[in-house]
Amino acid sequence: MMMMMMMVVVVVVVVVMMMMMIIMMMMRRRRRRRTTTTTMTTTMTTTMTTTMIMMMMMMMMKTTTTTTMKMTTTTMIMMTMMMMMMMMMMMMMMMMMMMMMIMMMMMMMMMMMMMMMMVM
């Protein structure tokens, strides 16, 4: 159980770092169209990586069916949330509100953690 929690935390941290990198990229670049496309791709990749990691964890842990089911549900939730987040980011970029975007990200992370805690 503890190991699982630690793994989850690591994954979340990685995602956060990715998000920060994306933000930095956006800050650096000025062209709007380019930024939107890059963000889209990066977010997609992050979501995929997170899901893959979760799957790997499931494979590694020879646990009972119930726990695996829970894990799958959490992964799905995370995916959906990430997608929503991406859409929000797109909207924010249209409006050019960096601070708002960052705030949204923070909220997202908090929500994800909550979900994880609930499931565990």
N, C-alpha and C. Protein backbone atom coordinates (compact mmCIF):
# COMPACT_ATOMS: atom_id res chain seq x y z
N MET A 1 0.84 -1.20 0.00
CA MET A 1 0.00 0.00 0.00
C MET A 1 0.88 1.25 0.00
N MET A 2 1.83 1.29 0.88
CA MET A 2 2.74 2.43 0.99
C MET A 2 3.50 2.62 -0.32
N MET A 3 3.94 1.51 -0.87
CA MET A 3 4.68 1.53 -2.12
C MET A 3 3.83 2.16 -3.23
N MET A 4 2.58 1.74 -3.29
CA MET A 4 1.64 2.23 -4.27
C MET A 4 1.49 3.75 -4.15
N MET A 5 1.32 4.21 -2.94
CA MET A 5 1.16 5.64 -2.65
C MET A 5 2.38 6.40 -3.14
N MET A 6 3.54 5.87 -2.84
CA MET A 6 4.79 6.50 -3.23
C MET A 6 4.88 6.63 -4.75
N MET A 7 4.49 5.55 -5.43
CA MET A 7 4.50 5.52 -6.88
C MET A 7 3.60 6.61 -7.45
N VAL A 8 2.41 6.68 -6.88
CA VAL A 8 1.42 7.69 -7.30
C VAL A 8 2.00 9.09 -7.15
N VAL A 9 2.60 9.34 -6.01
CA VAL A 9 3.20 10.65 -5.72
C VAL A 9 4.25 10.99 -6.78
N VAL A 10 5.10 10.01 -7.08
CA VAL A 10 6.16 10.19 -8.08
C VAL A 10 5.56 10.58 -9.42
N VAL A 11 4.52 9.84 -9.82
CA VAL A 11 3.84 10.11 -11.09
C VAL A 11 3.31 11.54 -11.13
N VAL A 12 2.63 11.93 -10.06
CA VAL A 12 2.06 13.28 -9.95
C VAL A 12 3.15 14.34 -10.10
N VAL A 13 4.27 14.12 -9.41
CA VAL A 13 5.40 15.05 -9.45
C VAL A 13 5.90 15.21 -10.89
N VAL A 14 6.04 14.07 -11.56
CA VAL A 14 6.51 14.08 -12.95
C VAL A 14 5.57 14.91 -13.82
N VAL A 15 4.28 14.67 -13.65
CA VAL A 15 3.26 15.41 -14.41
C VAL A 15 3.39 16.91 -14.16
N VAL A 16 3.52 17.27 -12.90
CA VAL A 16 3.66 18.68 -12.51
C VAL A 16 4.87 19.30 -13.21
N MET A 17 5.98 18.58 -13.18
CA MET A 17 7.20 19.06 -13.82
C MET A 17 6.98 19.29 -15.31
N MET A 18 6.28 18.35 -15.93
CA MET A 18 5.96 18.46 -17.35
C MET A 18 5.16 19.73 -17.61
N MET A 19 4.16 19.95 -16.76
CA MET A 19 3.30 21.13 -16.88
C MET A 19 4.13 22.40 -16.77
N MET A 20 5.02 22.43 -15.82
CA MET A 20 5.88 23.59 -15.60
C MET A 20 6.75 23.85 -16.84
N MET A 21 7.26 22.77 -17.40
CA MET A 21 8.08 22.87 -18.60
C MET A 21 7.28 23.49 -19.74
N ILE A 22 6.03 23.03 -19.86
CA ILE A 22 5.12 23.56 -20.88
C ILE A 22 4.94 25.05 -20.69
N ILE A 23 4.69 25.45 -19.45
CA ILE A 23 4.49 26.87 -19.11
C ILE A 23 5.71 27.68 -19.52
N MET A 24 6.88 27.17 -19.18
CA MET A 24 8.13 27.84 -19.51
C MET A 24 8.26 28.03 -21.02
N MET A 25 7.93 26.97 -21.74
CA MET A 25 7.97 27.02 -23.20
C MET A 25 7.07 28.11 -23.73
N MET A 26 5.88 28.18 -23.17
CA MET A 26 4.90 29.18 -23.59
C MET A 26 5.41 30.58 -23.30
N MET A 27 6.04 30.73 -22.15
CA MET A 27 6.59 32.02 -21.76
C MET A 27 7.65 32.46 -22.77
N ARG A 28 8.49 31.49 -23.13
CA ARG A 28 9.60 31.78 -24.03
C ARG A 28 9.08 32.20 -25.41
N ARG A 29 8.13 31.40 -25.92
CA ARG A 29 7.63 31.68 -27.27
C ARG A 29 6.53 32.72 -27.26
N ARG A 30 6.45 33.45 -28.36
CA ARG A 30 5.48 34.53 -28.45
C ARG A 30 4.34 34.19 -29.43
N ARG A 31 4.64 33.34 -30.39
CA ARG A 31 3.63 33.00 -31.41
C ARG A 31 2.51 32.19 -30.78
N ARG A 32 1.31 32.62 -31.00
CA ARG A 32 0.16 32.00 -30.35
C ARG A 32 -0.17 30.61 -30.92
N ARG A 33 -0.24 30.50 -32.21
CA ARG A 33 -0.63 29.24 -32.85
C ARG A 33 0.31 28.10 -32.47
N ARG A 34 1.59 28.40 -32.59
CA ARG A 34 2.63 27.40 -32.26
C ARG A 34 2.44 26.90 -30.83
N THR A 35 2.30 27.84 -29.92
CA THR A 35 2.17 27.51 -28.50
C THR A 35 1.00 26.56 -28.27
N THR A 36 -0.14 26.89 -28.85
CA THR A 36 -1.34 26.08 -28.65
C THR A 36 -1.07 24.64 -29.09
N THR A 37 -0.50 24.49 -30.26
CA THR A 37 -0.23 23.15 -30.79
C THR A 37 0.73 22.38 -29.88
N THR A 38 1.80 23.05 -29.47
CA THR A 38 2.80 22.41 -28.60
C THR A 38 2.17 21.94 -27.30
N THR A 39 1.35 22.82 -26.72
CA THR A 39 0.71 22.49 -25.45
C THR A 39 -0.18 21.27 -25.62
N MET A 40 -0.93 21.26 -26.69
CA MET A 40 -1.84 20.14 -26.98
C MET A 40 -1.05 18.84 -27.01
N THR A 41 0.01 18.82 -27.79
CA THR A 41 0.82 17.61 -27.95
C THR A 41 1.44 17.17 -26.62
N THR A 42 2.00 18.13 -25.91
CA THR A 42 2.65 17.83 -24.63
C THR A 42 1.68 17.25 -23.62
N THR A 43 0.50 17.87 -23.54
CA THR A 43 -0.52 17.40 -22.60
C THR A 43 -0.93 15.97 -22.93
N MET A 44 -1.12 15.73 -24.22
CA MET A 44 -1.51 14.41 -24.68
C MET A 44 -0.46 13.38 -24.27
N THR A 45 0.79 13.72 -24.52
CA THR A 45 1.90 12.82 -24.18
C THR A 45 1.94 12.53 -22.68
N THR A 46 1.75 13.57 -21.89
CA THR A 46 1.76 13.42 -20.43
C THR A 46 0.67 12.47 -19.98
N THR A 47 -0.53 12.67 -20.53
CA THR A 47 -1.67 11.80 -20.17
C THR A 47 -1.34 10.35 -20.50
N MET A 48 -0.82 10.15 -21.69
CA MET A 48 -0.48 8.80 -22.15
C MET A 48 0.55 8.16 -21.22
N THR A 49 1.59 8.93 -20.89
CA THR A 49 2.65 8.42 -20.02
C THR A 49 2.11 8.02 -18.65
N THR A 50 1.27 8.87 -18.10
CA THR A 50 0.68 8.60 -16.78
C THR A 50 -0.11 7.30 -16.80
N THR A 51 -0.94 7.17 -17.84
CA THR A 51 -1.76 5.96 -17.97
C THR A 51 -0.88 4.72 -18.10
N MET A 52 0.17 4.85 -18.91
CA MET A 52 1.08 3.74 -19.14
C MET A 52 1.73 3.31 -17.83
N ILE A 53 2.16 4.31 -17.05
CA ILE A 53 2.81 4.05 -15.76
C ILE A 53 1.85 3.29 -14.84
N MET A 54 0.60 3.75 -14.83
CA MET A 54 -0.41 3.11 -14.00
C MET A 54 -0.59 1.64 -14.39
N MET A 55 -0.65 1.44 -15.70
CA MET A 55 -0.82 0.08 -16.23
C MET A 55 0.36 -0.80 -15.80
N MET A 56 1.55 -0.23 -15.92
CA MET A 56 2.77 -0.94 -15.55
C MET A 56 2.73 -1.34 -14.08
N MET A 57 2.29 -0.39 -13.25
CA MET A 57 2.16 -0.62 -11.82
C MET A 57 1.23 -1.80 -11.55
N MET A 58 0.10 -1.79 -12.27
CA MET A 58 -0.89 -2.85 -12.12
C MET A 58 -0.28 -4.19 -12.48
N MET A 59 0.46 -4.19 -13.58
CA MET A 59 1.09 -5.43 -14.05
C MET A 59 2.10 -5.94 -13.01
N MET A 60 2.88 -5.01 -12.49
CA MET A 60 3.92 -5.35 -11.52
C MET A 60 3.32 -5.94 -10.25
N MET A 61 2.28 -5.28 -9.75
CA MET A 61 1.65 -5.74 -8.51
C MET A 61 0.67 -6.86 -8.81
N LYS A 62 0.95 -8.03 -8.32
CA LYS A 62 0.03 -9.16 -8.52
C LYS A 62 -1.04 -9.08 -7.43
N THR A 63 -1.88 -8.10 -7.57
CA THR A 63 -2.90 -7.85 -6.54
C THR A 63 -4.22 -8.52 -6.90
N THR A 64 -5.20 -8.33 -6.04
CA THR A 64 -6.53 -8.88 -6.26
C THR A 64 -7.25 -8.09 -7.34
N THR A 65 -8.31 -8.63 -7.85
CA THR A 65 -9.07 -8.02 -8.94
C THR A 65 -9.67 -6.67 -8.53
N THR A 66 -10.17 -6.59 -7.33
CA THR A 66 -10.84 -5.39 -6.84
C THR A 66 -9.91 -4.17 -6.89
N THR A 67 -8.70 -4.35 -6.37
CA THR A 67 -7.72 -3.25 -6.34
C THR A 67 -7.37 -2.80 -7.76
N THR A 68 -7.20 -3.78 -8.63
CA THR A 68 -6.86 -3.47 -10.02
C THR A 68 -7.97 -2.67 -10.67
N MET A 69 -9.19 -3.06 -10.39
CA MET A 69 -10.36 -2.36 -10.90
C MET A 69 -10.36 -0.91 -10.44
N LYS A 70 -10.09 -0.74 -9.16
CA LYS A 70 -10.02 0.60 -8.58
C LYS A 70 -8.97 1.43 -9.30
N MET A 71 -7.83 0.84 -9.51
CA MET A 71 -6.72 1.51 -10.19
C MET A 71 -7.13 1.95 -11.59
N THR A 72 -7.79 1.05 -12.30
CA THR A 72 -8.24 1.37 -13.66
C THR A 72 -9.20 2.56 -13.65
N THR A 73 -10.12 2.52 -12.71
CA THR A 73 -11.09 3.61 -12.57
C THR A 73 -10.37 4.94 -12.33
N THR A 74 -9.40 4.91 -11.45
CA THR A 74 -8.62 6.12 -11.14
C THR A 74 -7.91 6.63 -12.38
N THR A 75 -7.34 5.70 -13.15
CA THR A 75 -6.63 6.09 -14.37
C THR A 75 -7.58 6.78 -15.34
N MET A 76 -8.76 6.22 -15.47
CA MET A 76 -9.78 6.78 -16.36
C MET A 76 -10.15 8.20 -15.91
N ILE A 77 -10.36 8.34 -14.61
CA ILE A 77 -10.70 9.64 -14.03
C ILE A 77 -9.60 10.65 -14.34
N MET A 78 -8.36 10.23 -14.12
CA MET A 78 -7.21 11.08 -14.36
C MET A 78 -7.17 11.52 -15.82
N MET A 79 -7.41 10.58 -16.71
CA MET A 79 -7.42 10.86 -18.15
C MET A 79 -8.45 11.92 -18.48
N THR A 80 -9.64 11.70 -17.99
CA THR A 80 -10.74 12.65 -18.24
C THR A 80 -10.39 14.04 -17.72
N MET A 81 -9.87 14.07 -16.50
CA MET A 81 -9.50 15.34 -15.87
C MET A 81 -8.42 16.05 -16.67
N MET A 82 -7.47 15.27 -17.16
CA MET A 82 -6.39 15.82 -17.96
C MET A 82 -6.94 16.45 -19.24
N MET A 83 -7.86 15.76 -19.84
CA MET A 83 -8.49 16.25 -21.07
C MET A 83 -9.20 17.58 -20.80
N MET A 84 -9.94 17.59 -19.72
CA MET A 84 -10.65 18.81 -19.32
C MET A 84 -9.67 19.95 -19.10
N MET A 85 -8.58 19.59 -18.44
CA MET A 85 -7.52 20.54 -18.14
C MET A 85 -6.96 21.13 -19.43
N MET A 86 -6.74 20.27 -20.40
CA MET A 86 -6.20 20.68 -21.69
C MET A 86 -7.13 21.71 -22.34
N MET A 87 -8.39 21.40 -22.34
CA MET A 87 -9.40 22.29 -22.93
C MET A 87 -9.37 23.65 -22.23
N MET A 88 -9.30 23.60 -20.92
CA MET A 88 -9.25 24.83 -20.11
C MET A 88 -8.03 25.65 -20.49
N MET A 89 -6.91 24.96 -20.64
CA MET A 89 -5.66 25.62 -20.99
C MET A 89 -5.80 26.31 -22.34
N MET A 90 -6.43 25.63 -23.27
CA MET A 90 -6.66 26.20 -24.61
C MET A 90 -7.46 27.50 -24.49
N MET A 91 -8.52 27.42 -23.71
CA MET A 91 -9.38 28.58 -23.48
C MET A 91 -8.59 29.73 -22.89
N MET A 92 -7.79 29.42 -21.89
CA MET A 92 -6.99 30.42 -21.20
C MET A 92 -5.99 31.07 -22.17
N MET A 93 -5.43 30.25 -23.01
CA MET A 93 -4.46 30.77 -23.97
C MET A 93 -5.11 31.75 -24.92
N MET A 94 -6.32 31.45 -25.28
CA MET A 94 -7.07 32.36 -26.15
C MET A 94 -7.19 33.72 -25.47
N MET A 95 -7.41 33.67 -24.18
CA MET A 95 -7.54 34.90 -23.40
C MET A 95 -6.20 35.45 -22.92
N MET A 96 -5.18 34.62 -23.03
CA MET A 96 -3.82 35.02 -22.61
C MET A 96 -3.75 35.31 -21.11
N MET A 97 -4.23 34.40 -20.32
CA MET A 97 -4.18 34.56 -18.85
C MET A 97 -3.27 33.49 -18.28
N MET A 98 -2.02 33.84 -18.08
CA MET A 98 -1.05 32.89 -17.58
C MET A 98 -1.32 32.49 -16.14
N MET A 99 -1.58 33.48 -15.32
CA MET A 99 -1.80 33.24 -13.90
C MET A 99 -3.00 32.31 -13.69
N MET A 100 -4.04 32.58 -14.45
CA MET A 100 -5.27 31.79 -14.37
C MET A 100 -4.96 30.34 -14.71
N MET A 101 -4.16 30.14 -15.74
CA MET A 101 -3.80 28.81 -16.19
C MET A 101 -3.07 28.04 -15.08
N ILE A 102 -2.11 28.71 -14.47
CA ILE A 102 -1.32 28.11 -13.39
C ILE A 102 -2.23 27.71 -12.24
N MET A 103 -3.15 28.60 -11.90
CA MET A 103 -4.10 28.34 -10.82
C MET A 103 -4.92 27.09 -11.13
N MET A 104 -5.37 27.01 -12.39
CA MET A 104 -6.16 25.86 -12.84
C MET A 104 -5.37 24.57 -12.67
N MET A 105 -4.09 24.64 -13.04
CA MET A 105 -3.21 23.48 -12.92
C MET A 105 -3.12 23.01 -11.48
N MET A 106 -2.93 23.98 -10.58
CA MET A 106 -2.82 23.66 -9.16
C MET A 106 -4.07 22.95 -8.66
N MET A 107 -5.22 23.50 -9.06
CA MET A 107 -6.51 22.94 -8.67
C MET A 107 -6.61 21.50 -9.16
N MET A 108 -6.18 21.30 -10.41
CA MET A 108 -6.22 19.99 -11.04
C MET A 108 -5.43 18.97 -10.23
N MET A 109 -4.21 19.37 -9.88
CA MET A 109 -3.33 18.48 -9.13
C MET A 109 -3.97 18.09 -7.79
N MET A 110 -4.52 19.08 -7.13
CA MET A 110 -5.16 18.86 -5.84
C MET A 110 -6.29 17.85 -5.97
N MET A 111 -7.10 18.05 -7.00
CA MET A 111 -8.24 17.17 -7.26
C MET A 111 -7.78 15.75 -7.51
N MET A 112 -6.72 15.63 -8.29
CA MET A 112 -6.17 14.32 -8.62
C MET A 112 -5.74 13.58 -7.35
N MET A 113 -5.04 14.32 -6.49
CA MET A 113 -4.56 13.76 -5.23
C MET A 113 -5.73 13.27 -4.38
N MET A 114 -6.77 14.10 -4.34
CA MET A 114 -7.97 13.78 -3.58
C MET A 114 -8.57 12.46 -4.06
N MET A 115 -8.66 12.36 -5.39
CA MET A 115 -9.22 11.17 -6.01
C MET A 115 -8.43 9.94 -5.58
N MET A 116 -7.11 10.07 -5.67
CA MET A 116 -6.23 8.97 -5.31
C MET A 116 -6.45 8.53 -3.87
N MET A 117 -6.52 9.52 -2.99
CA MET A 117 -6.69 9.25 -1.57
C MET A 117 -8.00 8.49 -1.34
N MET A 118 -9.04 8.96 -2.01
CA MET A 118 -10.35 8.35 -1.88
C MET A 118 -10.31 6.88 -2.27
N VAL A 119 -9.65 6.62 -3.37
CA VAL A 119 -9.59 5.25 -3.89
C VAL A 119 -8.75 4.35 -2.99
N MET A 120 -7.61 4.88 -2.54
CA MET A 120 -6.72 4.08 -1.70
C MET A 120 -7.32 3.81 -0.35
